[in-house]
Amino acid sequence: RAVSIGGPATGYDFPPHVVHVASKYGTAWKENVQGQLVLRDSPWDPLASKLPMREQLSAYLWWPTFLDRSITLSKPLDPEAFLPFADTISGSRWPGVNGAPGK
């Protein structure tokens, strides 16, 4: 029988912690491209309004090649304080419907 940390209301199967993930990549292919980057707002990622582009210096397509990854468990988080930021399978805590943004 599965047991949730903090009781069934939280749904944690492991106490929330900060996890440090460091990945290393090499370059399989890099190609310069010409054009203008246009950032548009999205209900999922409001990038254009949060990070307005001041200038575009260069752009390129980059295909990475994976080299290494390390994962380190760090300090614990307060389960009650973290709960509003936790996501669950099927996005039931996402402010939308079935993983889509709210209308």
Foldseek 3Di string as FASTA:
>chain_A
DQAAVPGPVQRHSDFAFDKDKDWDWDFPDKAWDDDDDDDDQDLVHRCCVVPPDPDDDTDIDTDIDTDDMDMDTDGTDDSVVCRLVDADVQRPSACPHSPHHND
